[in-house]
Protein backbone atom coordinates (compact mmCIF):
# COMPACT_ATOMS: atom_id res chain seq x y z
CA MET A 1 -25.73 -2.58 -0.71
CA ASP A 2 -25.67 -6.52 -1.07
CA LYS A 3 -22.16 -8.25 -1.39
CA LYS A 4 -22.53 -8.77 -4.99
CA ASN A 5 -22.61 -5.01 -5.50
CA THR A 6 -20.04 -4.45 -3.07
CA ILE A 7 -17.77 -6.96 -4.92
CA ILE A 8 -17.98 -4.95 -8.07
CA GLY A 9 -16.56 -1.85 -6.57
CA VAL A 10 -13.91 -3.82 -4.52
CA LEU A 11 -12.86 -5.90 -7.47
CA LEU A 12 -12.31 -2.64 -9.74
CA LEU A 13 -10.18 -1.13 -7.04
CA VAL A 14 -8.40 -4.63 -6.56
CA ALA A 15 -7.79 -4.26 -10.46
CA ALA A 16 -6.15 -0.74 -10.11
CA VAL A 17 -4.06 -2.00 -7.18
CA ALA A 18 -2.92 -4.91 -9.05
CA SER A 19 -2.04 -2.81 -12.22
CA MET A 20 0.31 -0.77 -9.92
CA ILE A 21 1.69 -4.05 -8.40
CA PHE A 22 2.45 -5.45 -11.82
CA THR A 23 4.01 -2.26 -13.10
CA ALA A 24 6.26 -2.11 -10.04
CA ARG A 25 7.18 -4.41 -7.31
CA TYR A 26 6.38 -3.37 -3.79
CA GLY A 27 8.11 -4.86 -1.03
CA PRO A 28 8.24 -4.42 2.67
CA LYS A 29 11.27 -2.40 2.85
CA PRO A 30 11.55 0.58 4.96
CA PRO A 31 11.70 3.96 3.56
CA ALA A 32 15.38 4.79 3.86
CA PRO A 33 17.64 6.97 1.94
CA LEU A 34 19.54 5.23 -0.91
CA PRO A 35 23.38 5.21 -0.76
CA TYR A 36 23.80 7.71 -3.94
CA THR A 37 21.86 10.63 -2.49
CA ALA A 38 25.14 12.74 -2.39
CA THR A 39 27.29 10.69 -4.95
CA PRO A 40 26.99 12.16 -8.46
CA ALA A 41 26.99 9.42 -10.89
CA GLU A 42 29.70 8.68 -13.44
CA THR A 43 28.29 8.76 -16.88
CA SER A 44 29.46 9.02 -20.45
CA ALA A 45 28.50 11.53 -22.96
CA THR A 46 25.19 11.00 -24.43
CA PRO A 47 25.47 8.53 -27.30
CA ALA A 48 25.67 9.94 -30.92
CA SER A 49 22.40 9.59 -32.69
CA THR A 50 19.95 11.59 -35.06
CA PHE A 51 18.64 13.37 -32.25
CA THR A 52 21.45 15.88 -32.09
CA GLY A 53 22.19 17.68 -35.26
CA SER A 54 25.70 18.95 -36.64
CA ALA A 55 26.90 22.19 -37.77
CA GLY A 56 25.98 22.72 -41.59
CA SER A 57 27.64 25.00 -44.26
CA ALA A 58 26.61 28.11 -45.83
CA ALA A 59 29.13 30.08 -47.81
CA ALA A 60 31.68 28.61 -46.05
CA PRO A 61 30.59 29.36 -42.43
CA ALA A 62 33.16 29.47 -39.57
CA THR A 63 32.45 26.58 -37.17
CA PRO A 64 32.86 26.54 -33.36
CA GLY A 65 36.60 26.11 -32.14
CA ALA A 66 38.34 25.32 -29.07
CA ILE A 67 37.10 27.62 -26.05
CA SER A 68 39.91 29.75 -24.79
CA ALA A 69 39.19 28.90 -21.10
CA PRO A 70 41.15 27.84 -18.09
CA ALA A 71 42.25 24.11 -17.86
CA ARG A 72 39.57 21.85 -16.75
CA GLY A 73 40.13 21.13 -13.07
CA GLU A 74 37.90 21.00 -9.88
CA ALA A 75 34.41 22.70 -10.59
CA GLU A 76 34.13 26.22 -9.11
CA LYS A 77 30.59 26.89 -7.77
CA VAL A 78 28.47 29.80 -6.67
CA THR A 79 24.86 30.23 -5.14
CA LEU A 80 21.94 32.03 -5.71
CA ALA A 81 19.12 31.98 -3.22
CA ASN A 82 15.51 32.92 -2.40
CA GLU A 83 13.05 32.15 0.23
CA VAL A 84 12.32 28.63 -1.00
CA MET A 85 15.34 27.48 -2.62
CA ILE A 86 19.00 27.48 -3.01
CA VAL A 87 20.57 27.16 -6.53
CA THR A 88 24.17 26.10 -6.86
CA LEU A 89 25.75 26.88 -10.13
CA THR A 90 29.08 25.20 -11.59
CA ASN A 91 31.54 26.77 -14.09
CA HIS A 92 31.47 23.11 -15.76
CA GLY A 93 29.13 23.81 -18.55
CA GLY A 94 28.10 27.18 -17.04
CA ALA A 95 24.88 25.19 -15.68
CA ILE A 96 23.00 24.39 -12.74
CA ASP A 97 24.78 21.86 -10.41
CA SER A 98 21.97 21.25 -7.91
CA VAL A 99 18.78 22.97 -6.29
CA ALA A 100 17.98 22.58 -2.65
CA LEU A 101 14.65 23.12 -1.53
CA LYS A 102 14.40 25.17 1.88
CA ASN A 103 10.84 24.00 2.73
CA HIS A 104 11.66 20.27 2.04
CA LEU A 105 13.88 17.78 4.26
CA ALA A 106 15.54 14.95 2.49
CA VAL A 107 14.85 12.73 5.63
CA GLN A 108 12.45 13.35 7.86
CA GLY A 109 13.60 14.45 11.27
CA GLU A 110 17.18 15.34 10.00
CA PRO A 111 18.40 18.70 9.02
CA GLY A 112 19.48 18.16 5.36
CA LEU A 113 17.29 19.80 2.58
CA TYR A 114 15.95 17.70 -0.31
CA THR A 115 18.11 18.68 -3.47
CA LEU A 116 17.38 18.04 -6.72
CA ASN A 117 20.11 16.90 -9.22
CA ALA A 118 22.37 15.98 -6.30
CA ALA A 119 22.92 12.79 -8.12
CA GLN A 120 23.41 13.79 -12.04
CA ALA A 121 24.13 12.81 -15.16
CA ALA A 122 25.36 16.27 -16.24
CA PRO A 123 24.66 19.53 -14.73
CA ALA A 124 20.99 20.79 -15.40
CA LEU A 125 20.81 23.09 -18.33
CA SER A 126 24.35 22.08 -19.46
CA LEU A 127 24.57 21.96 -23.18
CA THR A 128 25.32 18.53 -24.88
CA ASP A 129 27.28 17.55 -27.95
CA PHE A 130 28.04 21.21 -28.72
CA PRO A 131 31.81 21.63 -29.42
CA GLY A 132 33.58 24.23 -27.28
CA ALA A 133 30.20 24.95 -25.26
CA ASP A 134 28.89 22.15 -23.43
CA ARG A 135 29.46 20.37 -20.17
CA LEU A 136 33.09 19.53 -20.94
CA THR A 137 33.72 22.95 -21.27
CA THR A 138 34.90 25.37 -18.18
CA TYR A 139 33.11 28.70 -18.38
CA THR A 140 34.40 32.00 -16.83
CA LEU A 141 32.32 33.56 -14.19
CA VAL A 142 31.57 37.06 -15.62
CA SER A 143 29.36 38.69 -13.18
CA LYS A 144 27.56 37.57 -9.80
CA THR A 145 24.87 39.18 -7.59
CA SER A 146 22.87 37.62 -4.89
CA THR A 147 19.98 37.06 -7.83
CA GLU A 148 22.07 36.79 -10.76
CA ALA A 149 25.02 35.01 -12.24
CA VAL A 150 26.50 35.17 -15.73
CA TYR A 151 28.92 32.89 -17.23
CA ARG A 152 30.78 32.96 -20.55
CA ALA A 153 33.10 30.99 -22.92
CA THR A 154 34.67 32.46 -25.96
CA SER A 155 36.55 31.08 -28.92
CA ALA A 156 37.95 32.57 -32.11
CA THR A 157 34.61 32.15 -33.90
CA LEU A 158 31.84 31.93 -31.09
CA GLU A 159 30.92 33.76 -27.94
CA VAL A 160 28.43 32.03 -25.46
CA THR A 161 26.97 33.76 -22.78
CA ARG A 162 24.84 32.16 -19.86
CA ARG A 163 22.76 34.19 -17.65
CA TYR A 164 20.79 32.84 -14.64
CA LEU A 165 18.16 34.91 -13.04
CA LEU A 166 16.55 34.33 -9.72
CA GLU A 167 14.33 37.16 -8.41
CA PRO A 168 10.56 37.83 -8.08
CA ALA A 169 9.04 38.65 -11.73
CA PRO A 170 5.44 38.91 -12.86
CA GLY A 171 4.39 35.65 -14.23
CA ARG A 172 7.32 33.70 -12.50
CA ASP A 173 6.98 31.12 -9.73
CA ASP A 174 9.43 31.26 -6.66
CA TYR A 175 10.64 27.99 -7.94
CA GLN A 176 11.39 29.11 -11.28
CA ILE A 177 14.95 30.38 -12.44
CA ARG A 178 14.96 32.34 -15.73
CA HIS A 179 17.73 31.30 -18.08
CA GLU A 180 19.06 32.79 -21.18
CA THR A 181 21.83 31.40 -23.55
CA THR A 182 23.17 33.94 -26.05
CA PHE A 183 25.27 33.10 -29.17
CA ARG A 184 27.43 35.85 -30.64
CA ASN A 185 29.01 35.33 -34.00
CA LEU A 186 32.68 36.80 -33.65
CA THR A 187 33.40 36.37 -37.33
CA GLU A 188 32.86 38.21 -40.67
CA GLN A 189 30.95 35.18 -42.15
CA PRO A 190 27.49 33.64 -41.46
CA GLN A 191 27.69 30.58 -38.97
CA VAL A 192 25.49 27.71 -38.76
CA LEU A 193 25.04 26.28 -35.17
CA PRO A 194 24.84 22.85 -33.92
CA LYS A 195 21.51 21.95 -32.24
CA ALA A 196 21.12 23.01 -28.98
CA VAL A 197 20.31 19.86 -26.61
CA PHE A 198 19.61 21.02 -22.95
CA ASN A 199 19.94 18.62 -19.91
CA LEU A 200 16.81 18.69 -17.93
CA GLY A 201 18.63 17.45 -14.75
CA THR A 202 18.45 13.99 -13.12
CA ALA A 203 15.59 12.75 -11.42
CA VAL A 204 16.14 9.72 -8.60
CA PRO A 205 14.11 7.47 -6.48
CA LEU A 206 12.92 8.98 -3.11
CA ASN A 207 14.09 6.08 -0.97
CA ALA A 208 14.55 2.37 -0.73
CA ASN A 209 10.42 1.87 -0.87
CA ASP A 210 10.30 3.89 -4.25
CA TYR A 211 10.10 1.37 -7.31
CA GLY A 212 9.79 4.31 -9.86
CA LEU A 213 6.20 4.00 -10.84
CA TYR A 214 6.30 7.96 -11.43
CA LEU A 215 9.96 8.22 -12.29
CA ASN A 216 10.15 9.43 -15.88
CA THR A 217 10.58 12.26 -18.23
CA ALA A 218 7.52 14.07 -19.51
CA TYR A 219 6.94 16.54 -22.37
CA ASN A 220 4.12 18.07 -23.96
CA ASP A 221 3.88 18.43 -27.57
CA GLY A 222 1.25 21.18 -27.76
CA GLU A 223 -1.73 18.95 -27.38
CA GLU A 224 -1.12 16.62 -24.39
CA ALA A 225 1.48 15.42 -22.12
CA HIS A 226 3.67 12.25 -22.75
CA PHE A 227 5.86 10.13 -20.51
CA VAL A 228 8.95 8.03 -20.96
CA ALA A 229 9.11 5.83 -17.86
CA ARG A 230 12.47 4.44 -16.36
CA SER A 231 10.80 1.08 -17.25
CA ASP A 232 10.79 1.74 -20.85
CA LEU A 233 14.59 1.71 -20.91
CA GLU A 234 14.92 -1.78 -18.68
CA GLY A 235 14.50 -4.23 -21.53
CA GLY A 236 12.99 -7.54 -21.06
CA GLY A 237 9.41 -8.03 -21.02
CA PHE A 238 7.13 -10.83 -22.01
CA LEU A 239 8.00 -10.56 -25.95
CA SER A 240 11.60 -10.85 -24.92
CA TRP A 241 11.15 -13.94 -22.82
CA ILE A 242 9.53 -15.71 -25.83
CA GLY A 243 12.25 -14.60 -28.07
CA MET A 244 10.17 -12.13 -30.23
CA LYS A 245 12.03 -9.10 -29.25
CA ASP A 246 15.60 -8.30 -27.97
CA GLY A 247 15.46 -7.87 -24.27
CA THR A 248 18.85 -5.63 -24.15
CA PRO A 249 18.03 -2.34 -22.43
CA PRO A 250 18.19 0.40 -25.00
CA ALA A 251 20.94 3.09 -24.00
CA PHE A 252 18.25 6.01 -24.63
CA LEU A 253 14.94 6.67 -26.17
CA ASP A 254 14.15 9.61 -28.47
CA ARG A 255 11.18 11.16 -28.97
CA PRO A 256 10.83 14.05 -32.04
CA ALA A 257 8.10 16.06 -31.21
CA SER A 258 7.22 19.81 -30.99
CA ILE A 259 8.09 20.55 -27.15
CA ALA A 260 6.08 23.06 -25.35
CA TRP A 261 7.96 21.92 -22.06
CA ALA A 262 9.98 19.07 -20.92
CA SER A 263 10.39 17.56 -17.55
CA VAL A 264 12.40 14.85 -15.44
CA LYS A 265 10.40 13.89 -12.08
CA ASN A 266 9.86 11.23 -9.55
CA GLN A 267 6.89 10.89 -7.50
CA PHE A 268 6.86 14.50 -5.47
CA PHE A 269 9.58 16.59 -7.32
CA CYS A 270 10.27 17.57 -10.80
CA MET A 271 12.24 20.08 -12.96
CA ILE A 272 10.51 21.57 -15.93
CA LEU A 273 11.96 23.48 -18.90
CA THR A 274 9.53 25.78 -20.40
CA PRO A 275 11.13 27.29 -23.54
CA ASP A 276 10.51 30.67 -25.28
CA GLN A 277 10.63 28.72 -28.44
CA PRO A 278 9.08 25.22 -28.89
CA GLY A 279 11.88 22.32 -29.09
CA THR A 280 12.13 19.56 -31.61
CA GLY A 281 12.59 16.41 -29.46
CA VAL A 282 13.36 14.72 -25.88
CA ARG A 283 15.82 12.22 -25.34
CA THR A 284 15.59 9.69 -22.16
CA GLU A 285 18.32 7.89 -20.52
CA ARG A 286 18.59 5.69 -17.50
CA VAL A 287 21.36 6.45 -15.27
CA LYS A 288 23.06 4.10 -12.80
CA LEU A 289 23.42 6.01 -9.76
CA ASP A 290 25.75 3.65 -7.76
CA PRO A 291 28.56 2.01 -10.04
CA ASN A 292 29.24 -0.77 -7.49
CA ALA A 293 25.42 -1.52 -7.05
CA PRO A 294 24.07 -4.76 -8.88
CA ALA A 295 22.52 -4.36 -12.01
CA GLU A 296 19.57 -6.09 -11.16
CA ASP A 297 18.54 -3.42 -8.20
CA LYS A 298 16.42 -1.10 -10.31
CA ARG A 299 16.06 1.26 -7.60
CA LEU A 300 19.58 2.29 -7.97
CA TYR A 301 18.90 3.89 -11.30
CA GLY A 302 17.58 7.29 -12.03
CA VAL A 303 16.35 8.85 -15.08
CA THR A 304 17.64 12.03 -17.16
CA GLY A 305 16.48 13.86 -20.05
CA TYR A 306 17.59 16.18 -22.81
CA ALA A 307 15.58 18.58 -24.58
CA GLN A 308 16.75 19.69 -28.52
CA PHE A 309 16.35 23.06 -29.98
CA ASP A 310 17.14 24.32 -33.50
CA LEU A 311 19.22 27.42 -33.44
CA LYS A 312 18.96 29.79 -36.43
CA PRO A 313 22.12 30.59 -38.67
CA LEU A 314 23.80 33.65 -37.36
CA ALA A 315 25.00 36.65 -39.55
CA ALA A 316 28.36 38.06 -39.38
CA GLY A 317 28.69 39.79 -36.12
CA ALA A 318 25.23 38.91 -35.15
CA SER A 319 23.85 37.19 -31.94
CA SER A 320 20.66 35.08 -30.73
CA THR A 321 19.40 34.32 -27.45
CA PHE A 322 17.48 31.13 -26.25
CA GLY A 323 15.28 31.90 -23.23
CA ALA A 324 13.36 29.50 -20.88
CA ASN A 325 12.03 29.25 -17.44
CA PHE A 326 13.41 26.35 -15.30
CA TYR A 327 11.15 25.16 -12.65
CA ALA A 328 12.94 23.00 -9.62
CA GLY A 329 10.55 22.38 -7.16
CA PRO A 330 7.65 20.14 -5.68
CA LYS A 331 4.70 18.61 -7.74
CA GLU A 332 1.98 20.75 -6.10
CA TYR A 333 -1.07 20.89 -8.40
CA LYS A 334 -2.24 24.25 -6.80
CA ARG A 335 1.14 25.74 -7.69
CA LEU A 336 1.59 24.30 -11.38
CA SER A 337 -2.14 24.87 -12.21
CA ASN A 338 -1.84 28.58 -11.89
CA VAL A 339 -2.48 29.70 -15.40
CA ASP A 340 -1.05 33.14 -14.68
CA VAL A 341 2.49 31.53 -14.63
CA PHE A 342 2.16 27.84 -16.24
CA LYS A 343 0.29 28.56 -19.43
CA LEU A 344 1.20 25.27 -21.07
CA GLY A 345 -0.48 22.39 -19.19
CA GLU A 346 2.62 22.00 -16.87
CA GLU A 347 0.25 20.58 -13.92
CA LYS A 348 0.24 17.62 -16.07
CA VAL A 349 3.27 16.44 -14.79
CA MET A 350 1.18 15.37 -11.65
CA GLN A 351 0.49 12.24 -13.74
CA PHE A 352 -2.88 11.70 -11.97
CA ASP A 353 -3.84 9.31 -14.89
CA ALA A 354 -0.43 7.34 -14.86
CA PHE A 355 -2.07 3.83 -15.18
CA PHE A 356 -4.66 2.53 -17.77
CA PHE A 357 -7.12 1.99 -15.04
CA ASN A 358 -6.92 5.76 -14.15
CA LYS A 359 -7.73 6.53 -17.71
CA ILE A 360 -10.67 4.59 -17.98
CA PHE A 361 -12.27 6.32 -14.94
CA LEU A 362 -11.04 9.81 -15.90
CA SER A 363 -8.70 10.27 -13.08
CA GLY A 364 -7.17 13.13 -14.99
CA PHE A 365 -10.43 15.07 -14.23
CA PHE A 366 -11.51 13.78 -10.84
CA ALA A 367 -8.11 13.58 -8.99
CA PRO A 368 -7.61 17.49 -9.38
CA LEU A 369 -11.16 18.12 -8.52
CA LEU A 370 -10.71 16.05 -5.32
CA PHE A 371 -7.55 17.64 -4.45
CA THR A 372 -9.03 21.01 -4.76
CA ILE A 373 -11.81 19.94 -2.46
CA MET A 374 -9.28 18.45 0.15
CA SER A 375 -6.99 21.73 0.00
CA TRP A 376 -10.25 23.81 0.53
CA VAL A 377 -10.60 21.74 3.61
CA HIS A 378 -6.91 21.81 4.66
CA SER A 379 -6.99 25.61 4.73
CA ILE A 380 -9.63 25.54 7.60
CA VAL A 381 -8.37 22.27 9.21
CA PRO A 382 -4.50 22.76 8.71
CA ASN A 383 -3.66 18.88 8.95
CA TRP A 384 -3.74 16.90 5.89
CA GLY A 385 -4.74 13.74 7.89
CA TRP A 386 -7.93 15.45 9.08
CA ALA A 387 -8.39 16.81 5.45
CA ILE A 388 -8.25 13.38 4.01
CA VAL A 389 -10.90 12.13 6.70
CA ILE A 390 -13.45 15.10 6.18
CA THR A 391 -12.96 14.80 2.34
CA THR A 392 -13.85 11.03 2.48
CA LEU A 393 -16.67 11.67 4.81
CA ALA A 394 -18.02 14.61 2.48
CA LEU A 395 -17.79 12.06 -0.52
CA LYS A 396 -19.78 9.45 1.24
CA ILE A 397 -22.44 11.76 2.18
CA VAL A 398 -22.80 13.00 -1.29
CA PHE A 399 -23.17 9.78 -2.63
CA LEU A 400 -25.31 8.54 0.17
CA PRO A 401 -28.88 8.71 -2.09
CA LEU A 402 -27.11 6.64 -4.72
CA THR A 403 -25.89 4.14 -1.74
CA LEU A 404 -29.68 3.95 -0.70
CA ALA A 405 -30.93 3.41 -4.14
CA ALA A 406 -28.56 0.51 -4.92
CA SER A 407 -29.25 -1.03 -1.56
CA LYS A 408 -32.99 -0.72 -1.97
CA SER A 409 -32.77 -2.28 -5.35
CA ALA A 410 -30.44 -4.89 -3.78
CA LYS A 411 -32.97 -5.69 -1.26
CA ARG A 412 -35.69 -6.42 -3.72
CA MET A 413 -33.59 -8.45 -5.89
CA ALA A 414 -32.38 -10.55 -2.38
CA LYS A 415 -36.05 -10.98 -1.88
CA LEU A 416 -36.69 -12.62 -5.37
CA GLN A 417 -33.67 -15.04 -5.05
CA PRO A 418 -35.82 -18.13 -3.93
CA HIS A 419 -37.92 -17.72 -6.82
CA MET A 420 -35.01 -17.02 -9.16
CA ALA A 421 -33.61 -20.47 -8.12
CA ALA A 422 -36.93 -22.18 -8.73
CA LEU A 423 -37.40 -20.90 -12.07
CA ARG A 424 -33.71 -21.90 -13.00
CA GLU A 425 -34.50 -25.45 -11.80
CA LYS A 426 -37.73 -25.58 -13.67
CA PHE A 427 -36.71 -24.33 -17.01
CA LYS A 428 -33.05 -25.50 -16.95
CA ASP A 429 -33.48 -27.17 -20.27
CA ASN A 430 -35.41 -24.17 -21.73
CA PRO A 431 -33.02 -21.03 -21.38
CA GLN A 432 -35.41 -18.96 -23.66
CA LYS A 433 -38.21 -19.59 -21.26
CA MET A 434 -36.20 -19.26 -18.22
CA GLN A 435 -35.33 -15.61 -19.46
CA ALA A 436 -38.59 -14.61 -20.63
CA GLU A 437 -39.86 -15.56 -17.27
CA THR A 438 -37.33 -14.00 -15.19
CA LEU A 439 -37.87 -10.77 -17.04
CA LYS A 440 -41.56 -11.09 -16.52
CA ILE A 441 -40.69 -11.19 -12.66
CA PHE A 442 -38.57 -8.43 -12.75
CA LYS A 443 -40.97 -6.31 -14.52
CA GLU A 444 -43.85 -7.24 -12.36
CA ASN A 445 -41.98 -6.77 -9.25
CA LYS A 446 -40.46 -3.31 -10.47
CA VAL A 447 -37.04 -4.82 -9.91
CA ASN A 448 -33.93 -3.51 -12.18
CA PRO A 449 -31.59 -6.27 -12.41
CA VAL A 450 -28.67 -3.64 -12.63
CA GLY A 451 -30.35 -1.22 -10.53
CA GLY A 452 -28.06 -2.05 -7.60
CA CYS A 453 -24.79 -1.63 -9.75
CA ILE A 454 -25.56 1.60 -11.72
CA PRO A 455 -25.26 3.94 -8.49
CA ILE A 456 -22.33 2.22 -7.43
CA LEU A 457 -20.46 2.33 -10.96
CA ILE A 458 -21.11 6.19 -10.64
CA THR A 459 -19.04 6.54 -7.39
CA ILE A 460 -16.12 4.45 -8.97
CA PRO A 461 -14.45 7.38 -10.57
CA PHE A 462 -14.20 9.60 -7.56
CA PHE A 463 -12.73 6.74 -5.52
CA VAL A 464 -10.38 5.87 -8.17
CA GLY A 465 -9.66 9.36 -8.51
CA ILE A 466 -8.68 10.08 -4.61
CA PHE A 467 -6.58 7.14 -4.84
CA ALA A 468 -4.44 8.56 -7.82
CA MET A 469 -4.63 12.17 -5.92
CA LEU A 470 -3.22 10.76 -2.74
CA GLN A 471 -0.58 8.85 -4.38
CA SER A 472 1.08 11.97 -6.34
CA THR A 473 0.68 14.70 -3.73
CA SER A 474 3.51 15.97 -2.58
CA GLU A 475 1.81 17.85 0.50
CA LEU A 476 1.46 14.46 2.05
CA ARG A 477 5.09 13.79 2.29
CA PHE A 478 6.30 13.93 5.94
CA ALA A 479 2.65 15.03 6.76
CA GLU A 480 1.61 13.74 10.46
CA PHE A 481 -1.60 12.41 11.78
CA LEU A 482 -1.85 10.53 15.25
CA TRP A 483 0.88 8.00 15.10
CA VAL A 484 1.55 8.13 11.52
CA HIS A 485 4.89 10.37 10.83
CA ASP A 486 4.51 10.21 7.12
CA LEU A 487 1.36 10.14 5.14
CA SER A 488 3.15 9.29 1.92
CA SER A 489 4.70 6.18 3.46
CA PRO A 490 3.54 3.05 5.11
CA ASP A 491 2.91 3.67 8.68
CA THR A 492 5.43 0.98 10.08
CA VAL A 493 5.14 1.15 13.93
CA ALA A 494 7.61 -2.04 14.25
CA ARG A 495 8.95 -4.92 12.66
CA VAL A 496 8.44 -8.63 13.57
CA LEU A 497 10.73 -11.30 11.81
CA GLY A 498 11.70 -8.30 9.23
CA LEU A 499 8.09 -8.00 8.23
CA PRO A 500 6.74 -4.40 8.96
CA ILE A 501 3.72 -3.91 11.01
CA ASN A 502 1.45 -1.39 9.12
CA ILE A 503 -1.34 -0.34 11.27
CA MET A 504 -3.58 1.61 8.76
CA PRO A 505 -3.89 -1.28 6.42
CA ILE A 506 -4.68 -3.70 9.31
CA LEU A 507 -7.54 -1.38 10.37
CA MET A 508 -8.54 -1.19 6.67
CA GLY A 509 -8.92 -5.02 6.11
CA ALA A 510 -10.56 -5.36 9.48
CA THR A 511 -12.95 -2.89 8.37
CA MET A 512 -13.90 -4.71 5.13
CA ILE A 513 -14.31 -7.76 7.25
CA PHE A 514 -16.80 -6.53 9.44
CA GLN A 515 -18.82 -4.92 6.51
CA MET A 516 -18.80 -8.34 4.88
CA LYS A 517 -20.44 -9.59 7.80
CA LEU A 518 -22.92 -7.08 8.07
CA THR A 519 -23.98 -7.13 4.43
CA PRO A 520 -26.81 -9.74 3.44
CA THR A 521 -25.87 -12.36 1.01
CA PRO A 522 -28.40 -12.69 -1.89
CA SER A 523 -26.48 -15.62 -3.23
CA VAL A 524 -25.72 -19.26 -1.97
CA ASP A 525 -23.18 -20.27 -4.44
CA PRO A 526 -20.42 -21.66 -2.16
CA ALA A 527 -17.75 -19.99 -4.70
CA GLN A 528 -18.95 -16.61 -4.46
CA GLN A 529 -19.36 -17.23 -0.58
CA MET A 530 -15.55 -18.02 -0.64
CA MET A 531 -14.79 -14.93 -2.78
CA PHE A 532 -16.53 -12.87 -0.25
CA LYS A 533 -14.41 -13.82 2.66
CA ILE A 534 -11.22 -13.83 0.65
CA MET A 535 -11.46 -10.48 -0.71
CA PRO A 536 -10.67 -8.22 2.21
CA TRP A 537 -7.50 -10.41 2.94
CA MET A 538 -6.46 -10.05 -0.76
CA PHE A 539 -7.27 -6.33 -0.74
CA THR A 540 -5.29 -5.85 2.66
CA LEU A 541 -2.28 -7.70 1.13
CA PHE A 542 -2.48 -5.31 -1.97
CA CYS A 543 -2.42 -2.24 0.19
CA TYR A 544 -0.24 -3.28 3.07
CA THR A 545 2.81 -1.41 1.61
CA PHE A 546 0.60 1.46 0.21
CA ALA A 547 1.18 5.20 1.76
CA ALA A 548 -0.55 5.59 5.04
CA GLY A 549 -2.92 8.55 3.36
CA ILE A 550 -4.25 5.73 0.97
CA ALA A 551 -4.89 3.41 3.88
CA LEU A 552 -6.49 6.06 5.88
CA TYR A 553 -8.76 7.04 3.12
CA SER A 554 -9.93 3.27 2.78
CA THR A 555 -10.27 2.96 6.69
CA ILE A 556 -12.41 5.89 7.10
CA ASN A 557 -14.59 4.97 3.96
CA GLY A 558 -14.96 1.53 5.32
CA LEU A 559 -15.80 2.85 9.00
CA PHE A 560 -18.31 5.07 7.30
CA THR A 561 -19.91 2.26 5.15
CA ILE A 562 -20.32 0.01 8.13
CA GLY A 563 -22.46 2.83 10.10
CA GLN A 564 -24.34 3.07 6.63
CA GLN A 565 -24.85 -0.64 6.51
CA MET A 566 -26.27 -0.94 9.94
CA ILE A 567 -28.82 1.71 9.02
CA ILE A 568 -29.83 -0.01 5.74
CA ASN A 569 -30.10 -3.29 7.71
CA ARG A 570 -32.78 -1.72 9.85
CA MET A 571 -34.78 -0.29 7.00
CA PRO A 572 -38.00 -2.12 6.37
CA GLU A 573 -38.01 -5.09 3.90
CA PRO A 574 -39.25 -4.17 0.31
CA ASP A 575 -43.10 -4.61 -0.18
CA LEU A 576 -43.22 -7.17 -3.51
CA PRO A 577 -46.16 -8.92 -4.95
CA ILE A 578 -44.79 -12.10 -3.60
CA ASN A 579 -46.13 -13.37 -0.34
CA ASN A 580 -44.15 -15.80 1.97
CA GLY A 581 -45.63 -18.78 0.41
CA GLY A 582 -44.53 -18.11 -2.98
CA VAL A 583 -47.82 -17.30 -4.22
CA THR A 584 -47.95 -13.70 -6.22
CA LYS A 585 -50.64 -11.28 -5.67
CA PRO A 586 -53.44 -10.88 -8.43
CA GLY A 587 -51.87 -9.64 -11.82
CA ALA A 588 -48.30 -11.01 -11.02
CA SER A 589 -46.71 -14.35 -12.34
CA GLY A 590 -47.70 -17.53 -10.91
CA LEU A 591 -44.68 -18.35 -8.89
CA LYS A 592 -46.28 -20.88 -6.65
CA ASN A 593 -46.08 -23.41 -9.34
CA VAL A 594 -42.47 -23.00 -10.30
CA THR A 595 -41.05 -24.24 -7.03
CA PRO A 596 -39.60 -27.95 -7.65
CA LYS A 597 -41.31 -30.78 -6.20
CA LYS A 598 -39.10 -32.80 -3.66
CA LYS A 599 -37.80 -35.93 -4.82
CA LYS A 600 -39.24 -39.09 -3.18
């Protein structure tokens, strides 16, 4: 392909990268744990709003009273465990304090496990604004086995029993906890309950390089997934800068909707609540994880969410149970797309189409397809780095016919360039005539002016999709390849004057520069020539702090393209009706007369 066609694909990819850069500032900081990893945040109770309902009245119903429970003191914790996780429960709210993942380390090379909800606004699945049964209530542990724990809080009017079950069951994933909260009316009168608002857990940035692109709450309204990002709660923005909007960060954001599932997540891990009955709304709050950190350091903020549910009125002596499955684990597409377990589109938490650019090129379709292919390769070659290499080569081979077609069209177009320049000079004062003659030349020489672009455009969704897929794939976290210790982070091998030396992006830039030198130039325009020279440097800078897996893909793609271009350059020149003197063969337009005369 010529440089004009190459630039189309590269510019589109640069636009994708630029959109991510604009959304969140990447910086050359080493990926290190942030200081809050073992310090729960001190946050106030959820602000009152129309999100949470209040108890109603029907025939002078009883209302929940004060819980007869021990005075609130130090939390008493118990654990449930299976082969993949350790669930720590607390009697404060009778809820999930944290979930440690046995197969995922917090820091590479260190023994500590990655723990969900370690820093928290509240225990996960704790009730909020439910008098006498919420997270401020101390529950009593009623029973405990290795796979089940039951908590209870009782008042004069209401008994609340909370059950957690962690054992294999048909239709349940190993990372899922079965939860049931039962409300029992202890009076002889009907009782209207408040709305049940369950905390979804708190998601935090993974490390100092994580600027929260994927840190958000998510929910499915029965039709599609929606996301509320941490950045939506940061305030500011262009409209506030020009005085058209209040730039004060909102305390929370409410999204009333029918909720099939709700989640909080970061780039590689998530907690998903899938209830037996639909919810009525989701709230998102930003959580300051280190009270002593400067407010402007956005990395030291997490996100917590709440899901709201309506509870049916209880008849005298009656009870009702809220049931749900709670997933706490890695964002693994293969796992979350298992329809025998996750039937409501929970795989959408992968957020393959996180950005507008991804939506244009249907990354929501192509990224899962490409991950499925890469996973199949990994099942044969059990190294994610080699899986990326082989998948990249397979894509290049599949699209080779399209690339050759584009190259052939580009060569024909390049051969016409001198004659096109002559036409522009001769008919510069008659645009209509120039256009007519140009189309005539294209037709007689069987050249499609967009023939070199269309085959390339067809491949763009696949390449954008693989970028999106590699950005969200938890399997790449701490995956090693050659000198790379973590394919999900930059492959920094040293630092010079505080700046990281990342080998993969440098190799990627070198392949792009060499590729540009191999590619014939159809244009003599100095501005375009300068753009061709600058583009590899720009793209390298954009991608310099990206994950090594993405740089690996780009490097292999570039190396294959270099070999491909060397073959293309050895292909015979296209046979056109135009001879070397600018005289067309019989039946072609008389181009020998369009060459401008030299000025005397």
